[in-house]
Protein backbone atom coordinates (compact mmCIF):
# COMPACT_ATOMS: atom_id res chain seq x y z
CA UNK A 1 -15.82 -65.81 -16.44
CA UNK A 2 -12.49 -67.24 -15.39
CA UNK A 3 -10.64 -65.79 -12.45
CA UNK A 4 -7.79 -64.53 -14.67
CA UNK A 5 -10.15 -62.76 -17.07
CA UNK A 6 -12.08 -61.28 -14.15
CA UNK A 7 -8.84 -60.04 -12.58
CA UNK A 8 -7.75 -58.37 -15.84
CA UNK A 9 -11.18 -56.73 -16.17
CA UNK A 10 -11.04 -55.34 -12.64
CA UNK A 11 -7.49 -54.07 -13.17
CA UNK A 12 -8.50 -52.26 -16.34
CA UNK A 13 -11.54 -50.82 -14.60
CA UNK A 14 -9.37 -49.49 -11.77
CA UNK A 15 -6.93 -47.99 -14.29
CA UNK A 16 -9.83 -46.40 -16.17
CA UNK A 17 -11.34 -44.93 -12.99
CA UNK A 18 -7.91 -43.75 -11.86
CA UNK A 19 -7.39 -42.07 -15.22
CA UNK A 20 -10.75 -40.34 -14.92
CA UNK A 21 -9.85 -39.12 -11.43
CA UNK A 22 -6.52 -37.80 -12.68
CA UNK A 23 -8.18 -35.99 -15.59
CA UNK A 24 -10.76 -34.52 -13.23
CA UNK A 25 -8.00 -33.32 -10.92
CA UNK A 26 -6.09 -31.77 -13.80
CA UNK A 27 -9.28 -30.09 -14.98
CA UNK A 28 -9.87 -28.57 -11.52
CA UNK A 29 -6.27 -27.31 -11.42
CA UNK A 30 -6.63 -25.82 -14.90
CA UNK A 31 -9.84 -24.06 -13.90
CA UNK A 32 -8.14 -22.68 -10.77
CA UNK A 33 -5.18 -21.40 -12.80
CA UNK A 34 -7.13 -19.93 -15.70
CA UNK A 35 -10.21 -18.62 -13.93
CA UNK A 36 -9.28 -18.54 -10.25
CA UNK A 37 -9.01 -14.74 -10.12
CA UNK A 38 -12.34 -14.33 -11.90
CA UNK A 39 -14.06 -16.77 -9.55
CA UNK A 40 -12.70 -15.07 -6.43
CA UNK A 41 -13.53 -11.61 -7.75
CA UNK A 42 -17.06 -12.81 -8.45
CA UNK A 43 -17.36 -14.04 -4.86
CA UNK A 44 -16.22 -10.66 -3.52
CA UNK A 45 -18.52 -8.62 -5.78
CA UNK A 46 -21.19 -6.93 -3.59
CA UNK A 47 -23.65 -7.36 -6.49
CA UNK A 48 -25.55 -4.19 -5.59
CA UNK A 49 -25.18 -0.78 -7.25
CA UNK A 50 -23.09 1.61 -5.19
CA UNK A 51 -25.78 4.27 -5.61
CA UNK A 52 -28.19 2.17 -3.52
CA UNK A 53 -25.57 0.91 -1.08
CA UNK A 54 -25.75 2.17 2.50
CA UNK A 55 -22.23 3.07 3.75
CA UNK A 56 -21.11 2.07 7.26
CA UNK A 57 -20.88 4.66 10.03
CA UNK A 58 -18.22 7.34 9.63
CA UNK A 59 -15.33 7.95 12.02
CA UNK A 60 -15.25 10.80 14.53
CA UNK A 61 -11.75 12.21 14.17
CA UNK A 62 -12.13 14.27 17.33
CA UNK A 63 -11.90 11.02 19.30
CA UNK A 64 -9.18 8.41 19.68
CA UNK A 65 -11.55 5.76 18.29
CA UNK A 66 -11.27 7.42 14.89
CA UNK A 67 -7.54 6.65 14.67
CA UNK A 68 -5.19 3.70 14.76
CA UNK A 69 -2.50 6.08 15.98
CA UNK A 70 -2.77 9.68 17.07
CA UNK A 71 -0.22 10.96 19.59
CA UNK A 72 -2.45 13.90 20.48
CA UNK A 73 -5.33 11.61 21.48
CA UNK A 74 -3.92 8.16 22.28
CA UNK A 75 -2.77 8.83 25.81
CA UNK A 76 0.35 10.77 24.83
CA UNK A 77 0.17 14.54 25.10
CA UNK A 78 2.50 15.99 22.51
CA UNK A 79 2.09 19.47 23.93
CA UNK A 80 3.79 18.36 27.12
CA UNK A 81 6.25 15.84 25.72
CA UNK A 82 6.83 17.15 22.22
CA UNK A 83 10.18 16.67 20.61
CA UNK A 84 10.98 19.22 17.94
CA UNK A 85 13.49 16.79 16.49
CA UNK A 86 10.53 14.75 15.22
CA UNK A 87 8.16 15.43 12.31
CA UNK A 88 4.41 14.86 12.08
CA UNK A 89 3.48 12.03 9.70
CA UNK A 90 0.01 11.55 8.18
CA UNK A 91 -0.20 7.83 7.32
CA UNK A 92 -2.93 6.33 5.10
CA UNK A 93 -3.06 2.53 5.29
CA UNK A 94 -3.58 0.10 2.41
CA UNK A 95 -6.53 -2.16 1.64
CA UNK A 96 -7.26 -4.61 4.45
CA UNK A 97 -11.00 -5.26 3.93
CA UNK A 98 -11.87 -8.08 1.50
CA UNK A 99 -15.49 -7.12 0.84
CA UNK A 100 -18.22 -9.55 -0.12
CA UNK A 101 -21.58 -7.90 0.41
CA UNK A 102 -19.99 -4.51 1.17
CA UNK A 103 -18.32 -1.93 -1.03
CA UNK A 104 -16.78 -0.21 1.98
CA UNK A 105 -15.12 -1.55 5.10
CA UNK A 106 -16.48 -0.48 8.49
CA UNK A 107 -13.83 1.36 10.50
CA UNK A 108 -14.16 -1.19 13.32
CA UNK A 109 -14.20 -4.38 11.22
CA UNK A 110 -12.15 -6.74 13.44
CA UNK A 111 -10.38 -8.70 10.68
CA UNK A 112 -9.50 -5.65 8.58
CA UNK A 113 -8.39 -3.70 11.64
CA UNK A 114 -6.21 -6.55 12.86
CA UNK A 115 -4.46 -6.67 9.47
CA UNK A 116 -3.64 -2.96 9.74
CA UNK A 117 -2.39 -3.26 13.31
CA UNK A 118 -0.41 -6.50 12.86
CA UNK A 119 1.04 -5.92 9.40
CA UNK A 120 0.75 -2.46 7.96
CA UNK A 121 1.56 -0.22 10.90
CA UNK A 122 4.70 -2.15 11.98
CA UNK A 123 5.99 -2.66 8.43
CA UNK A 124 4.99 0.52 6.62
CA UNK A 125 4.44 3.21 9.27
CA UNK A 126 7.25 1.81 11.43
CA UNK A 127 10.11 3.16 9.27
CA UNK A 128 8.85 6.71 9.85
CA UNK A 129 8.31 6.39 13.60
CA UNK A 130 11.95 6.94 14.61
CA UNK A 131 11.84 10.46 13.17
CA UNK A 132 8.11 11.12 13.36
CA UNK A 133 4.87 11.22 15.27
CA UNK A 134 2.48 8.94 13.35
CA UNK A 135 -1.15 9.95 12.78
CA UNK A 136 -2.98 7.01 11.16
CA UNK A 137 -6.73 7.49 10.63
CA UNK A 138 -9.33 4.79 10.33
CA UNK A 139 -11.44 5.30 7.23
CA UNK A 140 -14.20 3.58 5.29
CA UNK A 141 -11.83 1.97 2.84
CA UNK A 142 -12.94 0.66 -0.53
CA UNK A 143 -12.99 -3.15 -0.50
CA UNK A 144 -10.37 -5.37 -2.09
CA UNK A 145 -12.79 -6.13 -4.92
CA UNK A 146 -12.94 -2.44 -5.83
CA UNK A 147 -9.14 -2.45 -6.31
CA UNK A 148 -9.32 -5.33 -8.80
CA UNK A 149 -11.79 -3.86 -11.30
CA UNK A 150 -12.35 -0.59 -13.14
CA UNK A 151 -16.16 -0.81 -13.17
CA UNK A 152 -18.04 2.35 -12.26
CA UNK A 153 -19.37 1.11 -8.89
CA UNK A 154 -15.82 0.31 -7.76
CA UNK A 155 -14.63 3.76 -8.80
CA UNK A 156 -17.41 5.36 -6.78
CA UNK A 157 -16.42 3.34 -3.72
CA UNK A 158 -12.81 4.52 -4.02
CA UNK A 159 -13.91 8.12 -4.54
CA UNK A 160 -16.12 7.85 -1.45
CA UNK A 161 -13.15 6.75 0.67
CA UNK A 162 -11.37 10.01 -0.16
CA UNK A 163 -14.00 11.98 1.76
CA UNK A 164 -12.92 10.33 5.00
CA UNK A 165 -9.23 10.99 4.28
CA UNK A 166 -9.96 14.63 3.54
CA UNK A 167 -11.80 14.97 6.88
CA UNK A 168 -9.02 13.13 8.72
CA UNK A 169 -6.42 15.45 7.21
CA UNK A 170 -8.36 18.47 8.51
CA UNK A 171 -8.30 16.89 11.98
CA UNK A 172 -4.58 16.15 11.62
CA UNK A 173 -3.83 19.78 10.84
CA UNK A 174 -5.91 20.94 13.81
CA UNK A 175 -4.57 18.39 16.31
CA UNK A 176 -0.88 18.12 15.51
CA UNK A 177 1.16 20.06 18.00
CA UNK A 178 4.71 19.89 16.74
CA UNK A 179 4.20 22.58 14.11
CA UNK A 180 6.58 23.11 11.25
CA UNK A 181 6.89 20.47 8.57
CA UNK A 182 4.89 17.34 7.97
CA UNK A 183 5.09 14.15 5.89
CA UNK A 184 2.40 12.23 4.02
CA UNK A 185 2.73 8.47 3.60
CA UNK A 186 0.20 6.42 1.63
CA UNK A 187 0.38 2.70 0.90
CA UNK A 188 -1.45 1.05 -2.05
CA UNK A 189 -5.07 2.30 -1.75
CA UNK A 190 -3.76 4.85 0.74
CA UNK A 191 -1.23 6.08 -1.82
CA UNK A 192 -3.98 6.58 -4.40
CA UNK A 193 -6.00 8.64 -1.92
CA UNK A 194 -2.88 10.58 -0.95
CA UNK A 195 -2.39 11.54 -4.60
CA UNK A 196 -5.71 13.37 -4.60
CA UNK A 197 -5.02 14.92 -1.21
CA UNK A 198 -1.74 16.22 -2.55
CA UNK A 199 -3.28 17.67 -5.72
CA UNK A 200 -6.32 19.28 -4.12
CA UNK A 201 -5.12 20.35 -0.69
CA UNK A 202 -1.35 20.80 -0.73
CA UNK A 203 -0.26 21.79 -4.22
CA UNK A 204 -2.91 24.52 -4.19
CA UNK A 205 -1.98 25.91 -0.76
CA UNK A 206 1.37 27.68 -0.50
CA UNK A 207 1.49 27.38 3.28
CA UNK A 208 0.93 23.63 3.23
CA UNK A 209 3.23 23.12 0.25
CA UNK A 210 6.09 24.92 1.99
CA UNK A 211 5.55 22.72 5.09
CA UNK A 212 5.60 19.46 3.13
CA UNK A 213 8.84 17.67 3.90
CA UNK A 214 8.07 14.79 1.51
CA UNK A 215 5.28 12.55 0.27
CA UNK A 216 5.71 8.77 0.01
CA UNK A 217 3.37 6.94 -2.38
CA UNK A 218 4.29 3.34 -1.68
CA UNK A 219 3.22 0.25 -3.66
CA UNK A 220 1.12 2.17 -6.15
CA UNK A 221 1.38 3.37 -9.73
CA UNK A 222 1.43 7.17 -9.69
CA UNK A 223 1.23 9.43 -12.79
CA UNK A 224 4.76 10.63 -13.58
CA UNK A 225 3.53 13.81 -15.27
CA UNK A 226 2.10 15.07 -11.95
CA UNK A 227 5.64 15.10 -10.51
CA UNK A 228 7.65 16.31 -13.49
CA UNK A 229 10.33 19.02 -13.02
CA UNK A 230 8.63 22.35 -12.49
CA UNK A 231 5.56 20.86 -10.80
CA UNK A 232 4.73 22.16 -7.30
CA UNK A 233 5.86 18.81 -5.84
CA UNK A 234 8.43 17.18 -8.16
CA UNK A 235 9.80 13.65 -8.06
CA UNK A 236 12.72 13.25 -5.68
CA UNK A 237 16.10 13.15 -7.44
CA UNK A 238 18.34 12.54 -4.43
CA UNK A 239 17.98 11.75 -0.74
CA UNK A 240 18.58 15.19 0.78
CA UNK A 241 15.94 16.87 -1.38
CA UNK A 242 12.73 17.93 0.36
CA UNK A 243 9.27 19.01 -0.80
CA UNK A 244 9.30 16.13 -3.29
CA UNK A 245 7.69 12.74 -3.95
CA UNK A 246 8.94 9.16 -3.56
CA UNK A 247 6.70 6.73 -5.44
CA UNK A 248 7.08 3.12 -6.54
CA UNK A 249 5.32 -0.18 -7.10
CA UNK A 250 7.62 -3.12 -6.38
CA UNK A 251 7.28 -6.46 -8.14
CA UNK A 252 9.47 -9.54 -7.61
CA UNK A 253 11.88 -10.28 -10.44
CA UNK A 254 10.47 -12.94 -12.71
CA UNK A 255 6.82 -11.87 -12.23
CA UNK A 256 6.08 -9.64 -15.22
CA UNK A 257 2.54 -11.04 -15.15
CA UNK A 258 1.89 -9.17 -11.92
CA UNK A 259 3.35 -6.01 -13.39
CA UNK A 260 1.03 -6.31 -16.38
CA UNK A 261 -1.99 -6.83 -14.14
CA UNK A 262 -1.10 -3.74 -12.10
CA UNK A 263 -0.64 -1.63 -15.21
CA UNK A 264 -3.99 -2.72 -16.62
CA UNK A 265 -5.77 -1.78 -13.38
CA UNK A 266 -3.91 1.50 -12.74
CA UNK A 267 -6.05 4.60 -12.26
CA UNK A 268 -5.43 8.32 -11.90
CA UNK A 269 -7.36 11.39 -10.73
CA UNK A 270 -8.45 13.81 -13.43
CA UNK A 271 -8.40 17.59 -12.82
CA UNK A 272 -12.12 17.31 -11.97
CA UNK A 273 -11.43 14.59 -9.35
CA UNK A 274 -12.83 11.76 -11.45
CA UNK A 275 -11.04 8.42 -11.65
CA UNK A 276 -9.86 7.32 -15.10
CA UNK A 277 -7.44 4.63 -16.32
CA UNK A 278 -3.84 5.83 -16.07
CA UNK A 279 -2.84 7.46 -19.35
CA UNK A 280 0.94 7.71 -19.52
CA UNK A 281 3.94 6.59 -17.52
CA UNK A 282 4.01 6.02 -13.78
CA UNK A 283 6.65 7.45 -11.48
CA UNK A 284 9.37 5.14 -10.18
CA UNK A 285 11.73 6.43 -7.50
CA UNK A 286 14.19 3.80 -6.32
CA UNK A 287 13.99 3.68 -2.49
CA UNK A 288 17.55 2.32 -2.29
CA UNK A 289 18.86 5.68 -3.55
CA UNK A 290 15.95 8.04 -2.90
CA UNK A 291 15.99 9.29 -6.47
CA UNK A 292 14.78 8.69 -10.01
CA UNK A 293 17.12 6.29 -11.83
CA UNK A 294 16.81 3.38 -14.21
CA UNK A 295 20.15 1.96 -13.15
CA UNK A 296 20.37 -1.34 -11.28
CA UNK A 297 21.05 -0.66 -7.61
CA UNK A 298 22.88 -3.62 -6.17
CA UNK A 299 21.99 -5.39 -2.93
CA UNK A 300 25.13 -4.08 -1.22
CA UNK A 301 23.42 -0.66 -1.10
CA UNK A 302 20.37 -2.04 0.72
CA UNK A 303 20.29 -0.79 4.31
CA UNK A 304 17.86 -3.42 5.53
CA UNK A 305 14.70 -5.37 4.79
CA UNK A 306 12.48 -6.34 7.71
CA UNK A 307 9.48 -8.40 8.70
CA UNK A 308 7.84 -6.52 11.56
CA UNK A 309 4.46 -8.27 11.37
CA UNK A 310 3.02 -8.93 14.81
CA UNK A 311 5.53 -6.77 16.67
CA UNK A 312 4.24 -4.40 19.31
CA UNK A 313 4.12 -0.82 18.06
CA UNK A 314 7.43 0.91 18.71
CA UNK A 315 9.48 -2.30 18.63
CA UNK A 316 12.42 -2.16 16.22
CA UNK A 317 12.45 -5.22 13.93
CA UNK A 318 15.53 -7.21 12.99
CA UNK A 319 17.00 -5.74 9.82
CA UNK A 320 18.57 -7.79 7.03
CA UNK A 321 20.94 -5.52 5.08
CA UNK A 322 22.61 -6.09 1.71
CA UNK A 323 19.92 -8.53 0.58
CA UNK A 324 17.70 -6.62 -1.89
CA UNK A 325 18.60 -5.24 -5.30
CA UNK A 326 16.15 -3.00 -7.16
CA UNK A 327 15.80 -1.43 -10.60
CA UNK A 328 13.15 0.77 -12.19
CA UNK A 329 12.22 -0.64 -15.57
CA UNK A 330 9.45 1.38 -17.13
CA UNK A 331 6.74 1.94 -14.55
CA UNK A 332 7.77 -0.87 -12.21
CA UNK A 333 10.42 -1.32 -9.50
CA UNK A 334 11.68 -4.88 -9.98
CA UNK A 335 13.25 -6.31 -6.84
CA UNK A 336 15.09 -9.41 -5.72
CA UNK A 337 13.33 -10.80 -2.66
CA UNK A 338 15.67 -12.10 0.03
CA UNK A 339 15.38 -15.76 0.90
CA UNK A 340 14.42 -16.96 4.34
CA UNK A 341 11.40 -17.77 6.46
CA UNK A 342 10.81 -14.09 7.25
CA UNK A 343 9.95 -13.42 3.62
CA UNK A 344 7.91 -16.52 2.82
CA UNK A 345 4.28 -15.56 2.32
CA UNK A 346 1.45 -17.88 3.31
CA UNK A 347 -2.18 -16.95 3.23
CA UNK A 348 -5.39 -16.85 1.24
CA UNK A 349 -5.96 -15.71 -2.32
CA UNK A 350 -7.12 -12.36 -0.94
CA UNK A 351 -3.93 -12.01 1.12
CA UNK A 352 -1.87 -12.42 -2.05
CA UNK A 353 -3.59 -9.34 -3.53
CA UNK A 354 -2.70 -7.08 -0.60
CA UNK A 355 0.57 -5.45 0.39
CA UNK A 356 3.35 -7.76 1.53
CA UNK A 357 3.52 -8.66 5.25
CA UNK A 358 7.09 -7.32 5.32
CA UNK A 359 8.98 -4.29 4.00
CA UNK A 360 11.99 -4.80 1.73
CA UNK A 361 12.99 -1.14 2.17
CA UNK A 362 12.39 -0.65 5.89
CA UNK A 363 15.81 0.77 6.79
CA UNK A 364 16.12 2.61 3.48
CA UNK A 365 12.90 4.53 4.13
CA UNK A 366 14.06 5.18 7.67
CA UNK A 367 17.27 6.78 6.37
CA UNK A 368 15.34 8.58 3.63
CA UNK A 369 12.95 10.42 5.92
CA UNK A 370 15.77 11.32 8.28
CA UNK A 371 17.81 12.91 5.49
CA UNK A 372 14.86 14.87 4.07
CA UNK A 373 13.67 16.04 7.50
CA UNK A 374 17.14 17.29 8.46
CA UNK A 375 17.47 19.03 5.07
CA UNK A 376 14.04 20.69 5.48
CA UNK A 377 14.86 21.89 8.98
CA UNK A 378 18.25 23.20 7.86
CA UNK A 379 16.60 25.31 5.18
CA UNK A 380 14.19 27.05 7.57
CA UNK A 381 14.93 30.60 8.77
CA UNK A 382 16.18 30.70 12.35
């Protein structure tokens, strides 16, 4: 074989092998795009029936170790230092435990706990801290996998988690020392558990219902019918209303695929406390106005987005006002995400399925709770 023929043969061979490598790479990318979610969900599936699963140890809510924050137990005696200008806030955190072999997250899992402390408390409990004492229980949360499927085992894991929240709420009522009104805040999984707490404990108890300043069901789809006019706790219509509910699930503009995924996975509590797929519309209260509206609320009305991740508890984050517009369209709050490094999200596939590591409505929620708390206090007999 001549040198020229041999050279052409080798060149064609290299082109052929390069083409095969390119096709293989494209195939891998296609698999990741089309079946990536299914593959990751499969990896997180505990693969054991929940009925035979042994749950981790429960929290003792009489002790500080049972809470992320509890001003009555965490070295701050409210009885001595109480400020009647502040309201007690029962905060239920979102999913932070990925799963794998477990349906439920241990209350002391280091990775899951760090995610709550670094991200969720500063970003989602932080807006309520200026006006409130925050009580944030640890609980045996249902794993991330259980939030991504409607299979029966996953439903049982989520129903199990409610037992811890119910016990923590009893401890909250016994330990809180400021008296008067209180607020409930739930985020994602926490919002779903708060829905049941509201229906079973508060709407059925006139004393608790009259003390409820507001309930915030953040980053979750919540049945609108449960908060219709005339219900014990209606949807909030304007910012100075109290005894009402603020609920929304925010999705970035241009991502209707994520909205569709959320709607397909949405669940609700039946009157017999069983989880079923959401049947009907979800409630959408625009946090930029504090009321139900399907009108576009422009960014100039935004009081301030913030990224408080990693800040020490009690530190006020830098606020970026007039950056976020929001509109309720159907069940979903579509938002424009501000540009900038503070709002760029890096992380694993699992991280992308959890709540954002920033809060687009930080200052808006701060103003919201202040207005409702002042209105509640002003309506009390003196």
